[in-house]
């Protein structure tokens, strides 16, 4: 259950980052509300997961999901560069997250 919460926390982080971008585009109150909900959910789930998963591992996985997910969302929905080098390094982040899970 803790690993599931950690993954959901990472997705909450990605959602919050996407809402930051949407808010900067369209200064609507509901994007700010969704941003707060996304990050709030993310921190609550991360806090829960860290009761069962080592802090270093949990934080590294949470930030890995957030960083790679944010970059992927940016490429898919916000017209950011899809250069092969970006994709390579996102893949390395994901591989590192998987490696941490396998060694924990």
PDB file of N, CA and C in Angstrom:
ATOM      1  N   UNK A   1       0.815  -1.195   0.000  1.00  0.00           N
ATOM      2  CA  UNK A   1       0.000   0.000   0.000  1.00  0.00           C
ATOM      3  C   UNK A   1       0.864   1.267   0.000  1.00  0.00           C
ATOM      4  N   UNK A   2       1.991   1.219   0.694  1.00  0.00           N
ATOM      5  CA  UNK A   2       2.873   2.382   0.760  1.00  0.00           C
ATOM      6  C   UNK A   2       3.456   2.713  -0.611  1.00  0.00           C
ATOM      7  N   UNK A   3       3.800   1.691  -1.379  1.00  0.00           N
ATOM      8  CA  UNK A   3       4.341   1.934  -2.712  1.00  0.00           C
ATOM      9  C   UNK A   3       3.282   2.536  -3.629  1.00  0.00           C
ATOM     10  N   UNK A   4       2.064   2.068  -3.515  1.00  0.00           N
ATOM     11  CA  UNK A   4       0.960   2.622  -4.292  1.00  0.00           C
ATOM     12  C   UNK A   4       0.748   4.093  -3.926  1.00  0.00           C
ATOM     13  N   UNK A   5       0.790   4.398  -2.625  1.00  0.00           N
ATOM     14  CA  UNK A   5       0.647   5.785  -2.163  1.00  0.00           C
ATOM     15  C   UNK A   5       1.778   6.645  -2.700  1.00  0.00           C
ATOM     16  N   UNK A   6       2.988   6.098  -2.727  1.00  0.00           N
ATOM     17  CA  UNK A   6       4.136   6.848  -3.234  1.00  0.00           C
ATOM     18  C   UNK A   6       3.980   7.155  -4.720  1.00  0.00           C
ATOM     19  N   UNK A   7       3.514   6.195  -5.484  1.00  0.00           N
ATOM     20  CA  UNK A   7       3.300   6.421  -6.920  1.00  0.00           C
ATOM     21  C   UNK A   7       2.206   7.464  -7.132  1.00  0.00           C
ATOM     22  N   UNK A   8       1.124   7.361  -6.362  1.00  0.00           N
ATOM     23  CA  UNK A   8       0.063   8.376  -6.458  1.00  0.00           C
ATOM     24  C   UNK A   8       0.585   9.760  -6.056  1.00  0.00           C
ATOM     25  N   UNK A   9       1.463   9.807  -5.065  1.00  0.00           N
ATOM     26  CA  UNK A   9       2.064  11.075  -4.657  1.00  0.00           C
ATOM     27  C   UNK A   9       2.866  11.680  -5.807  1.00  0.00           C
ATOM     28  N   UNK A  10       3.587  10.835  -6.532  1.00  0.00           N
ATOM     29  CA  UNK A  10       4.330  11.311  -7.698  1.00  0.00           C
ATOM     30  C   UNK A  10       3.409  11.869  -8.767  1.00  0.00           C
ATOM     31  N   UNK A  11       2.284  11.185  -9.000  1.00  0.00           N
ATOM     32  CA  UNK A  11       1.321  11.679  -9.986  1.00  0.00           C
ATOM     33  C   UNK A  11       0.671  12.987  -9.520  1.00  0.00           C
ATOM     34  N   UNK A  12       0.467  13.118  -8.216  1.00  0.00           N
ATOM     35  CA  UNK A  12      -0.038  14.385  -7.682  1.00  0.00           C
ATOM     36  C   UNK A  12       0.936  15.519  -7.936  1.00  0.00           C
ATOM     37  N   UNK A  13       2.212  15.222  -7.814  1.00  0.00           N
ATOM     38  CA  UNK A  13       3.268  16.195  -8.099  1.00  0.00           C
ATOM     39  C   UNK A  13       3.230  16.622  -9.569  1.00  0.00           C
ATOM     40  N   UNK A  14       3.103  15.655 -10.457  1.00  0.00           N
ATOM     41  CA  UNK A  14       3.026  15.948 -11.896  1.00  0.00           C
ATOM     42  C   UNK A  14       1.794  16.813 -12.192  1.00  0.00           C
ATOM     43  N   UNK A  15       0.659  16.449 -11.594  1.00  0.00           N
ATOM     44  CA  UNK A  15      -0.567  17.210 -11.784  1.00  0.00           C
ATOM     45  C   UNK A  15      -0.399  18.649 -11.288  1.00  0.00           C
ATOM     46  N   UNK A  16       0.208  18.813 -10.117  1.00  0.00           N
ATOM     47  CA  UNK A  16       0.439  20.149  -9.574  1.00  0.00           C
ATOM     48  C   UNK A  16       1.313  20.997 -10.481  1.00  0.00           C
ATOM     49  N   UNK A  17       2.363  20.404 -11.021  1.00  0.00           N
ATOM     50  CA  UNK A  17       3.256  21.120 -11.926  1.00  0.00           C
ATOM     51  C   UNK A  17       2.515  21.522 -13.206  1.00  0.00           C
ATOM     52  N   UNK A  18       1.685  20.621 -13.731  1.00  0.00           N
ATOM     53  CA  UNK A  18       0.899  20.941 -14.928  1.00  0.00           C
ATOM     54  C   UNK A  18      -0.054  22.105 -14.640  1.00  0.00           C
ATOM     55  N   UNK A  19      -0.625  22.137 -13.448  1.00  0.00           N
ATOM     56  CA  UNK A  19      -1.540  23.227 -13.098  1.00  0.00           C
ATOM     57  C   UNK A  19      -0.800  24.552 -12.924  1.00  0.00           C
ATOM     58  N   UNK A  20       0.468  24.503 -12.500  1.00  0.00           N
ATOM     59  CA  UNK A  20       1.276  25.731 -12.462  1.00  0.00           C
ATOM     60  C   UNK A  20       1.367  26.305 -13.869  1.00  0.00           C
ATOM     61  N   UNK A  21       1.654  25.457 -14.829  1.00  0.00           N
ATOM     62  CA  UNK A  21       1.783  25.914 -16.214  1.00  0.00           C
ATOM     63  C   UNK A  21       0.454  26.455 -16.738  1.00  0.00           C
ATOM     64  N   UNK A  22      -0.643  25.741 -16.459  1.00  0.00           N
ATOM     65  CA  UNK A  22      -1.965  26.212 -16.892  1.00  0.00           C
ATOM     66  C   UNK A  22      -2.305  27.549 -16.237  1.00  0.00           C
ATOM     67  N   UNK A  23      -1.972  27.698 -14.956  1.00  0.00           N
ATOM     68  CA  UNK A  23      -2.262  28.945 -14.253  1.00  0.00           C
ATOM     69  C   UNK A  23      -1.473  30.106 -14.861  1.00  0.00           C
ATOM     70  N   UNK A  24      -0.244  29.872 -15.241  1.00  0.00           N
ATOM     71  CA  UNK A  24       0.554  30.929 -15.860  1.00  0.00           C
ATOM     72  C   UNK A  24      -0.007  31.320 -17.223  1.00  0.00           C
ATOM     73  N   UNK A  25      -0.653  30.390 -17.902  1.00  0.00           N
ATOM     74  CA  UNK A  25      -1.251  30.682 -19.209  1.00  0.00           C
ATOM     75  C   UNK A  25      -2.564  31.448 -19.064  1.00  0.00           C
ATOM     76  N   UNK A  26      -3.383  31.053 -18.097  1.00  0.00           N
ATOM     77  CA  UNK A  26      -4.745  31.576 -18.005  1.00  0.00           C
ATOM     78  C   UNK A  26      -5.157  32.026 -16.618  1.00  0.00           C
ATOM     79  N   UNK A  27      -4.468  32.560 -15.803  1.00  0.00           N
ATOM     80  CA  UNK A  27      -4.758  33.102 -14.468  1.00  0.00           C
ATOM     81  C   UNK A  27      -6.204  32.892 -13.971  1.00  0.00           C
ATOM     82  N   UNK A  28      -6.696  31.669 -14.040  1.00  0.00           N
ATOM     83  CA  UNK A  28      -8.044  31.332 -13.556  1.00  0.00           C
ATOM     84  C   UNK A  28      -7.937  30.760 -12.150  1.00  0.00           C
ATOM     85  N   UNK A  29      -8.910  31.097 -11.299  1.00  0.00           N
ATOM     86  CA  UNK A  29      -8.886  30.657  -9.901  1.00  0.00           C
ATOM     87  C   UNK A  29      -8.911  29.138  -9.771  1.00  0.00           C
ATOM     88  N   UNK A  30      -9.606  28.458 -10.683  1.00  0.00           N
ATOM     89  CA  UNK A  30      -9.718  27.003 -10.534  1.00  0.00           C
ATOM     90  C   UNK A  30      -8.407  26.284 -10.848  1.00  0.00           C
ATOM     91  N   UNK A  31      -7.537  26.887 -11.669  1.00  0.00           N
ATOM     92  CA  UNK A  31      -6.222  26.266 -11.868  1.00  0.00           C
ATOM     93  C   UNK A  31      -5.396  26.359 -10.584  1.00  0.00           C
ATOM     94  N   UNK A  32      -5.524  27.486  -9.874  1.00  0.00           N
ATOM     95  CA  UNK A  32      -4.818  27.632  -8.600  1.00  0.00           C
ATOM     96  C   UNK A  32      -5.376  26.642  -7.578  1.00  0.00           C
ATOM     97  N   UNK A  33      -6.689  26.464  -7.561  1.00  0.00           N
ATOM     98  CA  UNK A  33      -7.309  25.509  -6.644  1.00  0.00           C
ATOM     99  C   UNK A  33      -6.830  24.094  -6.935  1.00  0.00           C
ATOM    100  N   UNK A  34      -6.806  23.719  -8.218  1.00  0.00           N
ATOM    101  CA  UNK A  34      -6.327  22.386  -8.601  1.00  0.00           C
ATOM    102  C   UNK A  34      -4.846  22.204  -8.273  1.00  0.00           C
ATOM    103  N   UNK A  35      -4.074  23.267  -8.418  1.00  0.00           N
ATOM    104  CA  UNK A  35      -2.649  23.231  -8.071  1.00  0.00           C
ATOM    105  C   UNK A  35      -2.482  22.899  -6.591  1.00  0.00           C
ATOM    106  N   UNK A  36      -3.209  23.595  -5.738  1.00  0.00           N
ATOM    107  CA  UNK A  36      -3.116  23.363  -4.293  1.00  0.00           C
ATOM    108  C   UNK A  36      -3.581  21.952  -3.939  1.00  0.00           C
ATOM    109  N   UNK A  37      -4.662  21.494  -4.561  1.00  0.00           N
ATOM    110  CA  UNK A  37      -5.164  20.136  -4.309  1.00  0.00           C
ATOM    111  C   UNK A  37      -4.127  19.098  -4.752  1.00  0.00           C
ATOM    112  N   UNK A  38      -3.546  19.289  -5.935  1.00  0.00           N
ATOM    113  CA  UNK A  38      -2.546  18.340  -6.442  1.00  0.00           C
ATOM    114  C   UNK A  38      -1.332  18.231  -5.533  1.00  0.00           C
ATOM    115  N   UNK A  39      -0.770  19.384  -5.152  1.00  0.00           N
ATOM    116  CA  UNK A  39       0.402  19.346  -4.283  1.00  0.00           C
ATOM    117  C   UNK A  39       0.049  18.881  -2.874  1.00  0.00           C
ATOM    118  N   UNK A  40      -1.136  19.275  -2.387  1.00  0.00           N
ATOM    119  CA  UNK A  40      -1.563  18.825  -1.061  1.00  0.00           C
ATOM    120  C   UNK A  40      -1.689  17.315  -1.001  1.00  0.00           C
ATOM    121  N   UNK A  41      -2.356  16.739  -2.015  1.00  0.00           N
ATOM    122  CA  UNK A  41      -2.497  15.285  -2.094  1.00  0.00           C
ATOM    123  C   UNK A  41      -1.115  14.626  -2.186  1.00  0.00           C
ATOM    124  N   UNK A  42      -0.254  15.236  -2.972  1.00  0.00           N
ATOM    125  CA  UNK A  42       1.084  14.690  -3.152  1.00  0.00           C
ATOM    126  C   UNK A  42       1.854  14.627  -1.834  1.00  0.00           C
ATOM    127  N   UNK A  43       1.836  15.724  -1.074  1.00  0.00           N
ATOM    128  CA  UNK A  43       2.564  15.755   0.190  1.00  0.00           C
ATOM    129  C   UNK A  43       1.962  14.814   1.226  1.00  0.00           C
ATOM    130  N   UNK A  44       0.638  14.744   1.269  1.00  0.00           N
ATOM    131  CA  UNK A  44      -0.002  13.835   2.223  1.00  0.00           C
ATOM    132  C   UNK A  44       0.345  12.374   1.921  1.00  0.00           C
ATOM    133  N   UNK A  45       0.274  12.004   0.657  1.00  0.00           N
ATOM    134  CA  UNK A  45       0.593  10.614   0.284  1.00  0.00           C
ATOM    135  C   UNK A  45       2.077  10.315   0.469  1.00  0.00           C
ATOM    136  N   UNK A  46       2.937  11.289   0.171  1.00  0.00           N
ATOM    137  CA  UNK A  46       4.373  11.094   0.408  1.00  0.00           C
ATOM    138  C   UNK A  46       4.639  10.893   1.898  1.00  0.00           C
ATOM    139  N   UNK A  47       3.991  11.699   2.724  1.00  0.00           N
ATOM    140  CA  UNK A  47       4.153  11.573   4.169  1.00  0.00           C
ATOM    141  C   UNK A  47       3.734  10.186   4.652  1.00  0.00           C
ATOM    142  N   UNK A  48       2.609   9.701   4.148  1.00  0.00           N
ATOM    143  CA  UNK A  48       2.150   8.359   4.511  1.00  0.00           C
ATOM    144  C   UNK A  48       3.164   7.301   4.058  1.00  0.00           C
ATOM    145  N   UNK A  49       3.614   7.389   2.815  1.00  0.00           N
ATOM    146  CA  UNK A  49       4.541   6.390   2.271  1.00  0.00           C
ATOM    147  C   UNK A  49       5.850   6.353   3.053  1.00  0.00           C
ATOM    148  N   UNK A  50       6.291   7.525   3.529  1.00  0.00           N
ATOM    149  CA  UNK A  50       7.559   7.579   4.247  1.00  0.00           C
ATOM    150  C   UNK A  50       7.494   6.936   5.629  1.00  0.00           C
ATOM    151  N   UNK A  51       6.314   6.582   6.088  1.00  0.00           N
ATOM    152  CA  UNK A  51       6.207   5.834   7.338  1.00  0.00           C
ATOM    153  C   UNK A  51       6.669   4.386   7.141  1.00  0.00           C
ATOM    154  N   UNK A  52       6.671   3.913   5.903  1.00  0.00           N
ATOM    155  CA  UNK A  52       6.982   2.516   5.606  1.00  0.00           C
ATOM    156  C   UNK A  52       8.184   2.337   4.675  1.00  0.00           C
ATOM    157  N   UNK A  53       8.536   3.374   3.948  1.00  0.00           N
ATOM    158  CA  UNK A  53       9.632   3.315   2.977  1.00  0.00           C
ATOM    159  C   UNK A  53      10.711   4.285   3.455  1.00  0.00           C
ATOM    160  N   UNK A  54      11.962   3.891   3.328  1.00  0.00           N
ATOM    161  CA  UNK A  54      13.074   4.749   3.756  1.00  0.00           C
ATOM    162  C   UNK A  54      12.978   6.126   3.103  1.00  0.00           C
ATOM    163  N   UNK A  55      13.288   7.153   3.874  1.00  0.00           N
ATOM    164  CA  UNK A  55      13.164   8.525   3.402  1.00  0.00           C
ATOM    165  C   UNK A  55      13.908   8.768   2.089  1.00  0.00           C
ATOM    166  N   UNK A  56      15.156   8.351   2.009  1.00  0.00           N
ATOM    167  CA  UNK A  56      15.949   8.590   0.805  1.00  0.00           C
ATOM    168  C   UNK A  56      15.342   7.944  -0.426  1.00  0.00           C
ATOM    169  N   UNK A  57      14.893   6.717  -0.277  1.00  0.00           N
ATOM    170  CA  UNK A  57      14.272   6.002  -1.392  1.00  0.00           C
ATOM    171  C   UNK A  57      12.949   6.651  -1.782  1.00  0.00           C
ATOM    172  N   UNK A  58      12.103   6.937  -0.794  1.00  0.00           N
ATOM    173  CA  UNK A  58      10.795   7.534  -1.084  1.00  0.00           C
ATOM    174  C   UNK A  58      10.942   8.889  -1.765  1.00  0.00           C
ATOM    175  N   UNK A  59      11.821   9.713  -1.248  1.00  0.00           N
ATOM    176  CA  UNK A  59      11.994  11.047  -1.824  1.00  0.00           C
ATOM    177  C   UNK A  59      12.563  10.972  -3.236  1.00  0.00           C
ATOM    178  N   UNK A  60      13.535  10.101  -3.437  1.00  0.00           N
ATOM    179  CA  UNK A  60      14.132   9.966  -4.765  1.00  0.00           C
ATOM    180  C   UNK A  60      13.102   9.483  -5.784  1.00  0.00           C
ATOM    181  N   UNK A  61      12.271   8.536  -5.407  1.00  0.00           N
ATOM    182  CA  UNK A  61      11.251   8.029  -6.318  1.00  0.00           C
ATOM    183  C   UNK A  61      10.198   9.098  -6.574  1.00  0.00           C
ATOM    184  N   UNK A  62       9.776   9.804  -5.541  1.00  0.00           N
ATOM    185  CA  UNK A  62       8.782  10.867  -5.682  1.00  0.00           C
ATOM    186  C   UNK A  62       9.276  11.966  -6.620  1.00  0.00           C
ATOM    187  N   UNK A  63      10.511  12.401  -6.419  1.00  0.00           N
ATOM    188  CA  UNK A  63      11.047  13.457  -7.290  1.00  0.00           C
ATOM    189  C   UNK A  63      11.305  12.931  -8.699  1.00  0.00           C
ATOM    190  N   UNK A  64      11.690  11.648  -8.819  1.00  0.00           N
ATOM    191  CA  UNK A  64      11.893  11.065 -10.145  1.00  0.00           C
ATOM    192  C   UNK A  64      10.605  11.026 -10.945  1.00  0.00           C
ATOM    193  N   UNK A  65       9.527  10.613 -10.292  1.00  0.00           N
ATOM    194  CA  UNK A  65       8.219  10.596 -10.966  1.00  0.00           C
ATOM    195  C   UNK A  65       7.816  12.028 -11.329  1.00  0.00           C
ATOM    196  N   UNK A  66       8.018  12.946 -10.401  1.00  0.00           N
ATOM    197  CA  UNK A  66       7.660  14.338 -10.651  1.00  0.00           C
ATOM    198  C   UNK A  66       8.461  14.962 -11.780  1.00  0.00           C
ATOM    199  N   UNK A  67       9.774  14.739 -11.777  1.00  0.00           N
ATOM    200  CA  UNK A  67      10.623  15.341 -12.803  1.00  0.00           C
ATOM    201  C   UNK A  67      10.366  14.745 -14.181  1.00  0.00           C
ATOM    202  N   UNK A  68      10.342  13.426 -14.263  1.00  0.00           N
ATOM    203  CA  UNK A  68      10.120  12.801 -15.567  1.00  0.00           C
ATOM    204  C   UNK A  68       8.686  13.029 -16.037  1.00  0.00           C
ATOM    205  N   UNK A  69       7.731  12.915 -15.130  1.00  0.00           N
ATOM    206  CA  UNK A  69       6.336  13.149 -15.503  1.00  0.00           C
ATOM    207  C   UNK A  69       6.095  14.574 -15.951  1.00  0.00           C
ATOM    208  N   UNK A  70       6.692  15.540 -15.250  1.00  0.00           N
ATOM    209  CA  UNK A  70       6.559  16.943 -15.645  1.00  0.00           C
ATOM    210  C   UNK A  70       7.135  17.201 -17.025  1.00  0.00           C
ATOM    211  N   UNK A  71       8.280  16.608 -17.297  1.00  0.00           N
ATOM    212  CA  UNK A  71       8.903  16.781 -18.615  1.00  0.00           C
ATOM    213  C   UNK A  71       8.053  16.140 -19.715  1.00  0.00           C
ATOM    214  N   UNK A  72       7.508  14.964 -19.436  1.00  0.00           N
ATOM    215  CA  UNK A  72       6.671  14.281 -20.429  1.00  0.00           C
ATOM    216  C   UNK A  72       5.386  15.071 -20.683  1.00  0.00           C
ATOM    217  N   UNK A  73       4.737  15.554 -19.623  1.00  0.00           N
ATOM    218  CA  UNK A  73       3.525  16.368 -19.774  1.00  0.00           C
ATOM    219  C   UNK A  73       3.847  17.635 -20.571  1.00  0.00           C
ATOM    220  N   UNK A  74       4.992  18.234 -20.295  1.00  0.00           N
ATOM    221  CA  UNK A  74       5.407  19.425 -21.038  1.00  0.00           C
ATOM    222  C   UNK A  74       5.561  19.144 -22.523  1.00  0.00           C
ATOM    223  N   UNK A  75       6.142  18.008 -22.840  1.00  0.00           N
ATOM    224  CA  UNK A  75       6.313  17.653 -24.254  1.00  0.00           C
ATOM    225  C   UNK A  75       4.984  17.348 -24.926  1.00  0.00           C
ATOM    226  N   UNK A  76       4.095  16.666 -24.204  1.00  0.00           N
ATOM    227  CA  UNK A  76       2.821  16.247 -24.810  1.00  0.00           C
ATOM    228  C   UNK A  76       1.802  17.376 -24.914  1.00  0.00           C
ATOM    229  N   UNK A  77       1.726  18.238 -23.899  1.00  0.00           N
ATOM    230  CA  UNK A  77       0.637  19.208 -23.842  1.00  0.00           C
ATOM    231  C   UNK A  77       1.056  20.672 -23.900  1.00  0.00           C
ATOM    232  N   UNK A  78       2.334  20.964 -23.676  1.00  0.00           N
ATOM    233  CA  UNK A  78       2.760  22.357 -23.616  1.00  0.00           C
ATOM    234  C   UNK A  78       3.823  22.696 -24.658  1.00  0.00           C
ATOM    235  N   UNK A  79       3.929  21.894 -25.688  1.00  0.00           N
ATOM    236  CA  UNK A  79       4.794  22.157 -26.853  1.00  0.00           C
ATOM    237  C   UNK A  79       6.267  22.347 -26.504  1.00  0.00           C
ATOM    238  N   UNK A  80       6.745  21.617 -25.493  1.00  0.00           N
ATOM    239  CA  UNK A  80       8.162  21.663 -25.172  1.00  0.00           C
ATOM    240  C   UNK A  80       8.935  20.745 -26.117  1.00  0.00           C
ATOM    241  N   UNK A  81      10.216  20.949 -26.202  1.00  0.00           N
ATOM    242  CA  UNK A  81      11.075  20.198 -27.116  1.00  0.00           C
ATOM    243  C   UNK A  81      10.981  18.686 -26.880  1.00  0.00           C
ATOM    244  N   UNK A  82      10.951  17.947 -27.994  1.00  0.00           N
ATOM    245  CA  UNK A  82      10.956  16.482 -27.931  1.00  0.00           C
ATOM    246  C   UNK A  82      12.297  15.930 -28.447  1.00  0.00           C
ATOM    247  N   UNK A  83      13.340  16.675 -28.202  1.00  0.00           N
ATOM    248  CA  UNK A  83      14.680  16.273 -28.636  1.00  0.00           C
ATOM    249  C   UNK A  83      15.042  14.893 -28.067  1.00  0.00           C
ATOM    250  N   UNK A  84      15.754  14.101 -28.839  1.00  0.00           N
ATOM    251  CA  UNK A  84      16.094  12.734 -28.424  1.00  0.00           C
ATOM    252  C   UNK A  84      16.909  12.725 -27.132  1.00  0.00           C
ATOM    253  N   UNK A  85      17.695  13.767 -26.900  1.00  0.00           N
ATOM    254  CA  UNK A  85      18.502  13.808 -25.675  1.00  0.00           C
ATOM    255  C   UNK A  85      17.623  13.988 -24.440  1.00  0.00           C
ATOM    256  N   UNK A  86      16.583  14.793 -24.557  1.00  0.00           N
ATOM    257  CA  UNK A  86      15.634  14.927 -23.435  1.00  0.00           C
ATOM    258  C   UNK A  86      15.000  13.585 -23.125  1.00  0.00           C
ATOM    259  N   UNK A  87      14.568  12.899 -24.169  1.00  0.00           N
ATOM    260  CA  UNK A  87      13.930  11.588 -23.995  1.00  0.00           C
ATOM    261  C   UNK A  87      14.914  10.599 -23.379  1.00  0.00           C
ATOM    262  N   UNK A  88      16.167  10.631 -23.805  1.00  0.00           N
ATOM    263  CA  UNK A  88      17.194   9.749 -23.239  1.00  0.00           C
ATOM    264  C   UNK A  88      17.342   9.992 -21.735  1.00  0.00           C
ATOM    265  N   UNK A  89      17.442  11.243 -21.332  1.00  0.00           N
ATOM    266  CA  UNK A  89      17.661  11.527 -19.916  1.00  0.00           C
ATOM    267  C   UNK A  89      16.413  11.276 -19.068  1.00  0.00           C
ATOM    268  N   UNK A  90      15.243  11.479 -19.635  1.00  0.00           N
ATOM    269  CA  UNK A  90      14.017  11.098 -18.930  1.00  0.00           C
ATOM    270  C   UNK A  90      14.010   9.588 -18.715  1.00  0.00           C
ATOM    271  N   UNK A  91      14.423   8.838 -19.729  1.00  0.00           N
ATOM    272  CA  UNK A  91      14.511   7.381 -19.620  1.00  0.00           C
ATOM    273  C   UNK A  91      15.498   6.980 -18.531  1.00  0.00           C
ATOM    274  N   UNK A  92      16.608   7.690 -18.415  1.00  0.00           N
ATOM    275  CA  UNK A  92      17.580   7.398 -17.358  1.00  0.00           C
ATOM    276  C   UNK A  92      16.987   7.659 -15.972  1.00  0.00           C
ATOM    277  N   UNK A  93      16.186   8.723 -15.833  1.00  0.00           N
ATOM    278  CA  UNK A  93      15.533   8.997 -14.545  1.00  0.00           C
ATOM    279  C   UNK A  93      14.600   7.843 -14.194  1.00  0.00           C
ATOM    280  N   UNK A  94      13.797   7.423 -15.163  1.00  0.00           N
ATOM    281  CA  UNK A  94      12.850   6.323 -14.929  1.00  0.00           C
ATOM    282  C   UNK A  94      13.593   5.037 -14.585  1.00  0.00           C
ATOM    283  N   UNK A  95      14.691   4.755 -15.294  1.00  0.00           N
ATOM    284  CA  UNK A  95      15.488   3.562 -14.997  1.00  0.00           C
ATOM    285  C   UNK A  95      16.067   3.634 -13.584  1.00  0.00           C
ATOM    286  N   UNK A  96      16.474   4.811 -13.163  1.00  0.00           N
ATOM    287  CA  UNK A  96      17.007   4.976 -11.806  1.00  0.00           C
ATOM    288  C   UNK A  96      15.938   4.734 -10.753  1.00  0.00           C
ATOM    289  N   UNK A  97      14.720   5.223 -10.999  1.00  0.00           N
ATOM    290  CA  UNK A  97      13.611   4.997 -10.070  1.00  0.00           C
ATOM    291  C   UNK A  97      13.330   3.501  -9.957  1.00  0.00           C
ATOM    292  N   UNK A  98      13.298   2.809 -11.082  1.00  0.00           N
ATOM    293  CA  UNK A  98      13.081   1.357 -11.077  1.00  0.00           C
ATOM    294  C   UNK A  98      14.203   0.666 -10.319  1.00  0.00           C
ATOM    295  N   UNK A  99      15.441   1.092 -10.539  1.00  0.00           N
ATOM    296  CA  UNK A  99      16.584   0.522  -9.829  1.00  0.00           C
ATOM    297  C   UNK A  99      16.479   0.692  -8.324  1.00  0.00           C
ATOM    298  N   UNK A 100      16.038   1.877  -7.880  1.00  0.00           N
ATOM    299  CA  UNK A 100      15.843   2.090  -6.446  1.00  0.00           C
ATOM    300  C   UNK A 100      14.777   1.160  -5.875  1.00  0.00           C
ATOM    301  N   UNK A 101      13.710   0.978  -6.615  1.00  0.00           N
ATOM    302  CA  UNK A 101      12.648   0.078  -6.152  1.00  0.00           C
ATOM    303  C   UNK A 101      13.173  -1.354  -6.045  1.00  0.00           C
ATOM    304  N   UNK A 102      13.944  -1.774  -7.028  1.00  0.00           N
ATOM    305  CA  UNK A 102      14.453  -3.155  -7.035  1.00  0.00           C
ATOM    306  C   UNK A 102      15.459  -3.412  -5.914  1.00  0.00           C
ATOM    307  N   UNK A 103      16.152  -2.367  -5.483  1.00  0.00           N
ATOM    308  CA  UNK A 103      17.158  -2.567  -4.435  1.00  0.00           C
ATOM    309  C   UNK A 103      16.640  -2.233  -3.038  1.00  0.00           C
ATOM    310  N   UNK A 104      15.388  -1.816  -2.935  1.00  0.00           N
ATOM    311  CA  UNK A 104      14.833  -1.471  -1.620  1.00  0.00           C
ATOM    312  C   UNK A 104      14.155  -2.653  -0.978  1.00  0.00           C
TER     313      UNK A 104
END
